[in-house]
Protein backbone atom coordinates (compact mmCIF):
# COMPACT_ATOMS: atom_id res chain seq x y z
CA MET A 1 0.00 -0.02 0.01
CA THR A 2 2.83 2.34 0.78
CA ALA A 3 4.10 2.27 -2.86
CA LEU A 4 0.71 3.58 -3.94
CA THR A 5 1.31 6.90 -2.16
CA GLY A 6 4.52 7.45 -4.28
CA LEU A 7 2.88 7.50 -7.55
CA THR A 8 2.12 10.57 -9.64
CA ILE A 9 -1.44 11.32 -10.91
CA ALA A 10 -0.45 9.99 -14.29
CA GLU A 11 1.09 6.71 -12.96
CA ALA A 12 -1.91 6.13 -10.69
CA ALA A 13 -4.38 6.68 -13.64
CA ARG A 14 -2.42 4.15 -15.79
CA GLY A 15 -2.39 1.72 -12.74
CA LEU A 16 -6.14 2.06 -12.36
CA ALA A 17 -6.74 1.44 -16.01
CA ALA A 18 -4.51 -1.68 -15.87
CA LYS A 19 -6.41 -2.84 -12.72
CA SER A 20 -3.14 -3.15 -10.96
CA PHE A 21 -4.96 -1.74 -7.93
CA SER A 22 -8.43 -0.28 -7.27
CA ALA A 23 -9.56 3.24 -6.52
CA ARG A 24 -10.44 2.04 -3.01
CA GLU A 25 -7.04 0.64 -2.38
CA LEU A 26 -5.43 3.95 -3.76
CA ALA A 27 -7.75 5.91 -1.28
CA GLU A 28 -7.15 3.68 1.60
CA ALA A 29 -3.34 3.96 1.16
CA HIS A 30 -3.57 7.79 1.32
CA LEU A 31 -5.93 7.78 4.26
CA ASP A 32 -3.52 5.66 6.07
CA ALA A 33 -0.81 7.97 5.16
CA ILE A 34 -2.83 10.98 6.54
CA ALA A 35 -3.49 9.16 9.79
CA ALA A 36 0.18 8.46 10.15
CA ALA A 37 1.25 12.01 9.51
CA ARG A 38 -1.18 14.10 11.60
CA ASP A 39 1.56 15.75 13.34
CA LEU A 40 1.99 17.71 10.17
CA ASN A 41 -1.40 19.38 10.69
CA ALA A 42 -1.88 19.35 6.95
CA PHE A 43 -5.62 18.87 7.25
CA ILE A 44 -8.33 20.65 9.10
CA CYS A 45 -11.04 18.12 8.27
CA GLU A 46 -10.42 14.51 7.06
CA THR A 47 -13.22 12.91 4.89
CA PRO A 48 -12.58 9.29 4.82
CA ASP A 49 -16.25 8.31 4.31
CA VAL A 50 -16.45 10.63 1.37
CA ALA A 51 -13.27 9.44 -0.01
CA LEU A 52 -14.10 5.81 0.18
CA ASP A 53 -17.67 6.37 -1.14
CA ARG A 54 -16.32 8.13 -4.19
CA ALA A 55 -13.48 5.63 -4.61
CA ASP A 56 -16.10 2.72 -4.64
CA ALA A 57 -18.20 4.68 -7.33
CA ALA A 58 -15.12 5.06 -9.39
CA ASP A 59 -14.42 1.36 -9.14
CA ALA A 60 -18.12 0.61 -9.97
CA ARG A 61 -17.87 2.89 -13.14
CA ARG A 62 -14.66 1.03 -14.27
CA ALA A 63 -16.08 -2.41 -13.66
CA ALA A 64 -19.29 -1.50 -15.65
CA GLY A 65 -17.36 -0.17 -18.58
CA GLY A 66 -18.97 3.27 -18.32
CA ALA A 67 -17.56 6.64 -19.32
CA LEU A 68 -14.67 7.60 -17.04
CA GLY A 69 -13.48 11.05 -16.03
CA PRO A 70 -9.77 12.18 -16.61
CA LEU A 71 -9.09 11.85 -12.86
CA ASP A 72 -11.34 8.87 -12.16
CA GLY A 73 -10.42 7.43 -8.79
CA ILE A 74 -7.45 9.91 -8.22
CA PRO A 75 -7.37 10.91 -4.42
CA ILE A 76 -6.75 14.74 -3.74
CA ALA A 77 -6.80 17.32 -0.99
CA VAL A 78 -8.89 20.30 -1.24
CA LYS A 79 -7.77 23.60 0.36
CA ASP A 80 -10.42 24.45 2.94
CA LEU A 81 -11.16 27.67 1.19
CA PHE A 82 -13.41 25.83 -1.37
CA CYS A 83 -16.94 25.46 -0.38
CA THR A 84 -17.81 21.73 -0.28
CA GLU A 85 -21.46 20.59 0.04
CA GLY A 86 -22.16 18.90 3.30
CA VAL A 87 -18.56 19.17 4.47
CA PRO A 88 -17.44 21.92 6.99
CA THR A 89 -15.40 24.82 5.37
CA THR A 90 -13.64 27.10 7.71
CA ALA A 91 -11.10 29.15 5.61
CA GLY A 92 -8.79 28.53 8.58
CA SER A 93 -10.87 30.92 10.75
CA HIS A 94 -12.73 30.87 14.05
CA ILE A 95 -15.46 32.95 12.60
CA LEU A 96 -16.72 30.34 10.31
CA ASN A 97 -17.07 27.80 13.11
CA GLY A 98 -19.93 25.41 12.39
CA PHE A 99 -20.30 26.44 8.80
CA VAL A 100 -21.27 23.62 6.44
CA PRO A 101 -21.93 24.91 2.87
CA PRO A 102 -25.20 23.89 1.17
CA TYR A 103 -23.56 24.06 -2.23
CA GLU A 104 -20.35 23.10 -4.00
CA SER A 105 -17.69 25.41 -5.43
CA THR A 106 -17.33 25.10 -9.29
CA VAL A 107 -13.76 24.03 -9.10
CA THR A 108 -14.49 21.08 -6.76
CA ALA A 109 -17.65 20.20 -8.57
CA ASN A 110 -15.56 19.96 -11.84
CA LEU A 111 -13.00 17.82 -10.13
CA ARG A 112 -15.72 15.54 -8.66
CA GLN A 113 -17.23 15.30 -12.11
CA ALA A 114 -13.72 14.28 -13.40
CA GLY A 115 -13.77 11.43 -10.95
CA ALA A 116 -11.40 12.84 -8.33
CA VAL A 117 -11.75 11.49 -4.82
CA MET A 118 -11.65 14.08 -1.85
CA LEU A 119 -9.49 12.98 1.04
CA GLY A 120 -10.03 16.05 3.17
CA LYS A 121 -9.81 19.72 3.60
CA ALA A 122 -6.31 21.12 3.89
CA ASN A 123 -5.07 23.64 6.23
CA LEU A 124 -4.43 27.17 5.31
CA ASP A 125 -3.48 30.62 6.59
CA GLU A 126 -6.75 32.38 7.83
CA PHE A 127 -8.72 33.54 4.97
CA ALA A 128 -5.67 32.93 2.83
CA MET A 129 -3.90 35.73 4.53
CA GLY A 130 -0.32 34.73 5.22
CA SER A 131 2.85 33.35 3.41
CA ALA A 132 3.73 30.75 6.19
CA ASN A 133 0.56 28.94 7.24
CA ILE A 134 0.98 30.06 10.74
CA THR A 135 -2.21 32.30 10.96
CA SER A 136 -4.66 29.43 10.64
CA HIS A 137 -7.07 29.18 13.77
CA TYR A 138 -6.25 25.31 13.63
CA GLY A 139 -2.67 25.85 14.14
CA PRO A 140 0.46 25.95 11.96
CA VAL A 141 1.36 23.33 9.21
CA LYS A 142 4.75 21.74 9.38
CA ASN A 143 6.75 21.47 6.21
CA PRO A 144 7.60 17.86 5.64
CA TRP A 145 11.21 18.75 4.54
CA GLY A 146 11.82 19.67 8.35
CA PRO A 147 12.73 19.91 10.99
CA ARG A 148 16.14 21.68 10.59
CA ASP A 149 18.45 22.55 13.63
CA GLY A 150 15.72 21.23 15.98
CA ARG A 151 13.02 23.57 14.56
CA ASP A 152 10.10 22.88 12.53
CA LEU A 153 9.75 24.71 9.29
CA VAL A 154 6.91 26.67 7.65
CA PRO A 155 5.55 25.00 4.39
CA GLY A 156 4.74 28.61 3.03
CA GLY A 157 1.38 29.96 2.60
CA SER A 158 -1.38 30.52 2.21
CA SER A 159 -1.82 26.98 0.65
CA GLY A 160 0.56 25.37 3.02
CA GLY A 161 -1.63 22.26 3.96
CA SER A 162 -2.14 21.61 0.36
CA ALA A 163 1.68 21.78 -0.36
CA ALA A 164 2.54 19.76 2.68
CA ALA A 165 0.01 17.08 1.86
CA VAL A 166 1.37 16.65 -1.76
CA SER A 167 4.98 16.82 -0.72
CA ALA A 168 4.49 14.31 2.23
CA ARG A 169 2.63 11.83 -0.10
CA LEU A 170 -0.72 12.37 1.68
CA ALA A 171 -2.53 13.20 -1.66
CA LEU A 172 -1.56 12.82 -5.34
CA GLY A 173 -2.64 16.34 -5.90
CA ALA A 174 -4.36 19.29 -4.19
CA THR A 175 -6.29 22.54 -4.96
CA GLY A 176 -4.77 25.76 -3.89
CA THR A 177 -5.70 29.39 -4.34
CA ASP A 178 -3.23 32.23 -5.29
CA THR A 179 -3.82 35.77 -4.48
CA GLY A 180 -0.10 37.22 -4.33
CA GLY A 181 1.86 33.90 -4.55
CA SER A 182 -0.23 31.50 -2.27
CA ILE A 183 0.23 28.43 -4.56
CA ARG A 184 3.71 29.19 -5.97
CA GLN A 185 5.53 30.12 -2.87
CA PRO A 186 4.49 26.94 -0.74
CA ALA A 187 5.31 24.99 -3.72
CA SER A 188 8.92 26.34 -3.76
CA PHE A 189 9.19 25.75 -0.05
CA CYS A 190 7.75 22.08 -0.22
CA GLY A 191 9.57 20.97 -3.37
CA ILE A 192 6.32 20.47 -5.56
CA VAL A 193 4.73 22.08 -8.67
CA GLY A 194 2.40 24.89 -8.00
CA LEU A 195 0.50 26.54 -11.09
CA LYS A 196 -1.45 29.79 -10.79
CA PRO A 197 -3.52 29.99 -14.01
CA THR A 198 -4.57 33.20 -15.65
CA TYR A 199 -7.18 35.28 -13.66
CA GLY A 200 -10.30 33.91 -15.07
CA ARG A 201 -9.18 30.47 -16.23
CA CYS A 202 -10.75 28.77 -13.12
CA SER A 203 -14.10 29.98 -11.71
CA ARG A 204 -14.20 31.84 -8.35
CA TYR A 205 -17.69 30.73 -7.56
CA GLY A 206 -17.73 28.96 -4.21
CA ILE A 207 -14.16 30.07 -3.26
CA ILE A 208 -14.32 32.08 -0.13
CA ALA A 209 -13.07 35.40 -1.08
CA PHE A 210 -9.88 37.28 -0.02
CA ALA A 211 -9.32 39.86 -2.78
CA SER A 212 -11.60 39.27 -5.59
CA SER A 213 -9.67 40.94 -8.44
CA LEU A 214 -6.57 38.58 -7.51
CA ASP A 215 -7.88 35.28 -6.28
CA GLN A 216 -7.31 32.33 -8.60
CA ALA A 217 -7.55 28.68 -8.03
CA GLY A 218 -4.85 26.39 -9.41
CA PRO A 219 -3.44 22.77 -8.98
CA MET A 220 -0.45 21.70 -6.74
CA THR A 221 1.04 18.51 -7.73
CA ARG A 222 4.46 16.63 -7.91
CA THR A 223 5.15 17.00 -11.55
CA VAL A 224 4.33 19.32 -14.28
CA GLY A 225 2.47 16.77 -16.35
CA ASP A 226 0.08 16.16 -13.32
CA ALA A 227 -0.44 20.00 -13.00
CA ALA A 228 -1.59 20.00 -16.69
CA LEU A 229 -3.98 17.03 -16.04
CA MET A 230 -5.32 18.66 -12.88
CA LEU A 231 -5.90 22.16 -14.45
CA ALA A 232 -7.76 20.68 -17.46
CA ALA A 233 -10.36 19.21 -14.87
CA MET A 234 -10.58 22.34 -12.86
CA ALA A 235 -10.79 25.10 -15.53
CA GLY A 236 -13.62 26.18 -17.70
CA HIS A 237 -16.10 29.03 -18.09
CA ASP A 238 -18.75 29.47 -15.48
CA ALA A 239 -21.67 31.84 -15.88
CA ARG A 240 -21.89 32.33 -12.05
CA ASP A 241 -18.55 33.99 -11.96
CA SER A 242 -18.64 37.25 -13.95
CA THR A 243 -14.87 37.29 -14.08
CA SER A 244 -14.81 33.67 -15.52
CA ALA A 245 -13.32 33.72 -19.08
CA PRO A 246 -15.63 32.28 -21.93
CA LEU A 247 -12.82 30.23 -23.37
CA ALA A 248 -12.43 26.62 -24.31
CA VAL A 249 -10.06 24.48 -22.20
CA PRO A 250 -7.05 23.43 -24.17
CA ASP A 251 -5.45 20.00 -23.87
CA PHE A 252 -2.74 21.15 -21.50
CA ALA A 253 -0.81 17.93 -21.36
CA ALA A 254 -0.61 17.72 -25.22
CA ALA A 255 1.75 20.68 -25.23
CA LEU A 256 4.24 19.32 -22.67
CA ASP A 257 6.56 17.42 -25.05
CA GLY A 258 6.82 20.23 -27.66
CA SER A 259 10.23 21.72 -28.47
CA LEU A 260 11.62 24.88 -27.01
CA ARG A 261 13.36 25.70 -30.32
CA GLY A 262 12.75 29.32 -31.17
CA LEU A 263 11.15 30.10 -27.68
CA LYS A 264 12.24 33.49 -26.19
CA ILE A 265 12.94 33.47 -22.34
CA GLY A 266 12.84 36.92 -20.77
CA ILE A 267 15.06 37.67 -17.84
CA PRO A 268 13.96 40.77 -15.83
CA LYS A 269 16.85 42.65 -14.43
CA GLU A 270 14.58 44.16 -11.62
CA TYR A 271 14.11 40.75 -10.03
CA ARG A 272 17.82 40.60 -8.99
CA ILE A 273 17.18 42.45 -5.93
CA ASP A 274 19.56 43.75 -3.30
CA GLY A 275 20.44 41.05 -0.53
CA MET A 276 19.16 38.20 -2.65
CA ALA A 277 20.85 35.01 -1.51
CA ALA A 278 23.71 34.00 -3.69
CA GLU A 279 22.17 30.41 -3.98
CA ILE A 280 19.00 31.82 -5.30
CA GLY A 281 20.90 33.80 -8.08
CA ALA A 282 23.08 30.75 -8.88
CA LEU A 283 19.82 28.63 -9.40
CA TRP A 284 18.37 31.30 -11.65
CA ASP A 285 21.42 31.23 -13.83
CA LYS A 286 21.26 27.43 -13.92
CA GLY A 287 17.57 27.67 -15.12
CA MET A 288 18.64 30.08 -17.90
CA ALA A 289 21.32 27.49 -18.98
CA TRP A 290 18.87 24.52 -18.99
CA LEU A 291 16.42 26.50 -21.08
CA GLU A 292 19.03 27.46 -23.60
CA ALA A 293 20.32 23.92 -23.80
CA ALA A 294 16.65 22.80 -24.53
CA GLY A 295 16.79 25.13 -27.71
CA ALA A 296 15.34 28.50 -26.17
CA GLU A 297 16.81 31.87 -26.54
CA VAL A 298 17.43 33.98 -23.37
CA LYS A 299 17.32 37.74 -23.37
CA ALA A 300 17.03 40.65 -20.94
CA VAL A 301 13.84 42.38 -20.43
CA SER A 302 12.79 45.18 -18.15
CA LEU A 303 9.83 45.44 -15.94
CA PRO A 304 10.54 48.95 -14.45
CA HIS A 305 7.47 49.19 -11.97
CA THR A 306 8.41 45.91 -10.22
CA ARG A 307 9.68 47.89 -7.34
CA TYR A 308 6.27 49.21 -6.58
CA ALA A 309 4.49 46.01 -6.74
CA LEU A 310 4.61 44.77 -3.07
CA ALA A 311 3.36 48.07 -1.86
CA THR A 312 0.63 48.23 -4.37
CA TYR A 313 -0.51 44.64 -3.56
CA TYR A 314 -0.75 45.56 0.13
CA ILE A 315 -2.94 48.31 -0.46
CA ILE A 316 -5.32 46.64 -2.95
CA ALA A 317 -5.59 43.16 -1.46
CA PRO A 318 -6.41 44.46 2.09
CA ALA A 319 -8.92 46.97 0.57
CA GLU A 320 -10.77 44.19 -1.12
CA ALA A 321 -10.45 41.96 1.92
CA SER A 322 -12.05 44.66 4.24
CA SER A 323 -14.86 44.84 1.73
CA ASN A 324 -15.35 41.02 1.34
CA LEU A 325 -15.03 40.36 5.12
CA ALA A 326 -17.75 42.71 6.12
CA ARG A 327 -20.28 39.92 5.51
CA TYR A 328 -18.94 37.99 8.66
CA ASP A 329 -21.02 39.62 11.39
CA GLY A 330 -22.33 36.57 13.53
CA VAL A 331 -25.85 37.12 12.11
CA ARG A 332 -26.21 34.66 9.18
CA TYR A 333 -23.77 31.87 9.71
CA GLY A 334 -20.53 30.87 11.61
CA LEU A 335 -19.55 32.16 15.07
CA ARG A 336 -21.80 34.47 17.11
CA VAL A 337 -20.61 36.04 20.31
CA ASP A 338 -23.46 37.80 22.03
CA GLY A 339 -23.50 41.38 23.24
CA ALA A 340 -25.71 43.88 24.85
CA THR A 341 -26.51 45.57 21.56
CA LEU A 342 -26.28 44.66 17.90
CA ASP A 343 -23.22 46.81 17.47
CA GLU A 344 -21.48 45.13 20.48
CA MET A 345 -22.49 41.59 19.16
CA TYR A 346 -20.78 42.70 15.81
CA MET A 347 -17.71 43.83 17.63
CA ASN A 348 -17.36 40.85 19.78
CA THR A 349 -17.91 38.29 17.05
CA ARG A 350 -15.45 39.92 14.66
CA GLY A 351 -12.86 40.63 17.39
CA GLN A 352 -12.83 37.07 18.64
CA GLY A 353 -13.60 35.43 15.32
CA PHE A 354 -10.86 37.04 13.39
CA GLY A 355 -7.09 36.37 14.05
CA THR A 356 -4.45 39.06 14.34
CA GLU A 357 -3.15 39.08 10.61
CA VAL A 358 -6.84 39.27 9.50
CA ARG A 359 -7.70 42.01 11.72
CA ARG A 360 -4.56 43.92 10.53
CA ARG A 361 -5.53 43.66 7.00
CA VAL A 362 -9.05 44.54 7.45
CA LEU A 363 -7.88 47.72 9.40
CA ILE A 364 -5.37 48.69 6.64
CA GLY A 365 -8.06 48.10 3.95
CA THR A 366 -10.85 50.11 5.53
CA TYR A 367 -8.20 52.84 6.19
CA VAL A 368 -7.17 53.10 2.46
CA LEU A 369 -10.72 53.08 1.42
CA SER A 370 -11.82 55.79 3.75
CA ALA A 371 -12.89 59.31 2.87
CA GLY A 372 -9.88 61.55 2.37
CA TYR A 373 -7.49 58.54 1.80
CA TYR A 374 -9.20 56.76 -1.10
CA ASP A 375 -7.55 58.92 -3.85
CA ALA A 376 -4.11 59.05 -2.05
CA TYR A 377 -3.87 55.21 -1.64
CA TYR A 378 -6.38 52.90 -3.33
CA LEU A 379 -6.84 54.84 -6.55
CA LYS A 380 -3.15 55.50 -6.80
CA ALA A 381 -2.45 51.68 -6.27
CA GLN A 382 -4.81 50.84 -9.06
CA LYS A 383 -3.03 53.15 -11.48
CA VAL A 384 0.38 51.75 -10.51
CA ARG A 385 -1.20 48.31 -11.01
CA ALA A 386 -2.09 49.23 -14.59
CA LEU A 387 1.53 50.15 -15.10
CA ILE A 388 2.74 46.96 -13.80
CA ALA A 389 0.47 45.11 -16.35
CA ALA A 390 1.65 47.49 -19.16
CA ASP A 391 5.31 46.44 -18.29
CA PHE A 392 4.36 42.73 -18.77
CA ARG A 393 2.61 43.48 -22.07
CA GLU A 394 5.61 45.33 -23.36
CA ALA A 395 8.03 42.48 -22.26
CA PHE A 396 5.86 39.94 -24.09
CA ARG A 397 6.24 41.83 -27.33
CA GLU A 398 9.88 40.49 -27.21
CA VAL A 399 9.64 37.17 -25.34
CA ASP A 400 7.33 34.28 -24.86
CA VAL A 401 7.96 33.42 -21.17
CA ILE A 402 9.61 35.19 -18.25
CA LEU A 403 11.93 33.31 -15.81
CA THR A 404 12.53 34.38 -12.21
CA PRO A 405 13.08 32.87 -8.80
CA THR A 406 9.82 31.80 -6.99
CA ALA A 407 11.00 32.94 -3.37
CA PRO A 408 13.71 34.93 -1.92
CA SER A 409 14.67 32.14 0.41
CA ASP A 410 14.23 28.46 1.26
CA ALA A 411 11.70 27.57 4.11
CA PHE A 412 12.34 29.27 7.52
CA ALA A 413 11.40 28.06 10.90
CA ILE A 414 7.82 28.32 12.39
CA GLY A 415 7.80 31.48 14.51
CA GLU A 416 10.84 33.02 12.98
CA ARG A 417 9.11 36.00 11.29
CA MET A 418 5.91 36.25 13.22
CA ASP A 419 6.42 39.43 14.84
CA ASP A 420 7.62 41.34 11.70
CA PRO A 421 4.83 41.36 9.17
CA VAL A 422 6.81 43.50 6.68
CA THR A 423 9.44 40.82 6.59
CA MET A 424 6.80 38.18 6.11
CA TYR A 425 5.34 40.19 3.23
CA LEU A 426 8.59 40.10 1.44
CA ASN A 427 8.21 36.36 0.88
CA ASP A 428 5.92 37.40 -2.01
CA VAL A 429 8.20 39.82 -3.56
CA PHE A 430 8.69 37.70 -6.82
CA THR A 431 5.21 36.31 -7.04
CA VAL A 432 3.07 39.53 -6.42
CA PRO A 433 3.73 41.20 -9.79
CA THR A 434 2.33 38.28 -11.72
CA SER A 435 -0.92 38.33 -9.65
CA LEU A 436 -1.42 41.97 -10.09
CA ALA A 437 -1.10 41.58 -13.91
CA GLY A 438 -3.51 38.57 -13.86
CA LEU A 439 -0.84 36.33 -15.60
CA PRO A 440 -0.21 32.64 -15.39
CA GLY A 441 2.81 31.59 -13.28
CA ILE A 442 4.19 28.27 -12.35
CA SER A 443 6.79 27.28 -9.77
CA VAL A 444 8.89 24.28 -10.46
CA PRO A 445 11.20 22.60 -7.89
CA ALA A 446 14.73 23.19 -9.31
CA GLY A 447 17.36 22.53 -6.63
CA LEU A 448 18.32 22.38 -3.06
CA SER A 449 19.72 25.06 -0.85
CA ALA A 450 22.88 24.55 1.10
CA ARG A 451 20.63 23.43 3.97
CA GLY A 452 19.13 20.76 1.70
CA LEU A 453 15.73 22.44 1.50
CA PRO A 454 13.88 22.95 -1.88
CA LEU A 455 14.17 26.00 -4.09
CA GLY A 456 11.86 26.85 -6.82
CA LEU A 457 12.06 28.69 -10.19
CA GLN A 458 9.07 30.60 -11.57
CA LEU A 459 7.88 30.87 -15.22
CA ILE A 460 5.34 33.60 -16.23
CA GLY A 461 3.51 33.54 -19.40
CA ARG A 462 1.03 35.80 -21.54
CA PRO A 463 -2.65 35.76 -20.50
CA PHE A 464 -4.30 32.34 -21.19
CA ASP A 465 -0.99 30.95 -22.40
CA GLU A 466 -0.61 28.17 -19.90
CA LEU A 467 0.32 25.84 -22.76
CA THR A 468 3.74 27.63 -23.22
CA VAL A 469 4.32 27.96 -19.60
CA LEU A 470 3.73 24.17 -18.93
CA LYS A 471 6.07 23.42 -22.02
CA ALA A 472 8.92 25.53 -20.51
CA ALA A 473 8.25 24.03 -17.03
CA ARG A 474 8.65 20.60 -18.30
CA ALA A 475 12.00 21.61 -19.80
CA ILE A 476 13.22 22.79 -16.32
CA GLU A 477 11.76 19.87 -14.53
CA ASP A 478 13.47 17.36 -16.84
CA ALA A 479 16.90 19.25 -16.57
CA ALA A 480 16.70 19.67 -12.70
CA GLY A 481 16.10 16.09 -11.86
CA PHE A 482 14.80 17.32 -8.40
CA PRO A 483 14.67 14.52 -5.70
CA ALA A 484 11.39 12.66 -5.57
CA GLY A 485 10.50 14.02 -2.21
CA PRO A 486 11.53 14.96 1.34
CA PRO A 487 14.00 12.66 2.95
CA THR A 488 12.60 9.92 5.08
CA PRO A 489 13.42 9.96 8.77
């Protein structure tokens, strides 16, 4: 059974087709692995009954010779930001205590339609606000590549539970969401592949909102090929989401083996920031050499407004969060803390229901949207965001894909940066510009740091050109020969 948890999605699909094992056996192997690794705290809610029921249904479909979905019988984890009908959904927050959605998010409905088997709801930073998965009401997630020097490591965030589950062989794949790097940065820290699609590629319906103009669902897997398979099942137009793109879903996997001959790879000089670790720069140089060896042409590009991206993001995202989180008042669902008056009940519920980081961002967002400050902060940030997007458009006149590091460091210890939110925000310095421009980006595990921890490289593409991004990512994956997973104790 243990060997079943080491498969990729593609290998598991072939094994199921060959009847080398059943979907139930595959699900049971992963449920056993989850039970044995609860110290990682990767899951908020385990759903063994749901998993076995769906696995049995997959086996029955296969036995009957009926139509099968592309992920039929594949066990996955679902970030606990996706509403799942009849299964508690918390967003990692106390304020959603007891909330059981009466409906399903479009992405998880699509995955279920494709035959995927949900193992449970993965832990995350509260309302996806964080870069280390330490703000969850349900406790921090541990990186399976740790500990180091006697200290447990963060898995990155906010999709840290998803990243840890895939890295630790608790699930073959997982859903994540990325607002400013929340798929790509934890993928880098945990040594897996994390793909943020173009904004609008996957429906946001049923995903608990953080910042509506930035949030995007995507797959987290152990290989680029698996990311292509999973994205194809997740994506598609949804009339219930006004920002969902009315585009057909390409065969992402079909593009993976294409040649890079003639492909132009952009290297933005602004991403070589002051104080960047030498090993990050060296890995970046190695990535360029790998792509050139695969037939691509590497050339310098400029993204001049990159320096303003982090400040812009931390105005726009909290502003949208403050608006989105106004609905949590203790009246309609979730936590309610009584008070002598209605206003006091609101204050008690929100004060006790939201954690420190969420309260911080709500306060920042409310401030920048307030009378007298809207023009000075929020409106100005939107104008800078437009300039950042224009920089990318100009760069893509000359190149097809942009290569950068994913994160400025390897994984750090739990608690190491908790008291310095600005330092914590700097974890997203390489991922935020892509999100502000709404572009597709992928993190591919490309090497190990001096401490033996994963480091990722990021590829950024034109809007809705995930095909080219995936093709270039496969070339890096093949050249890197990254270790299969975290070292076993």
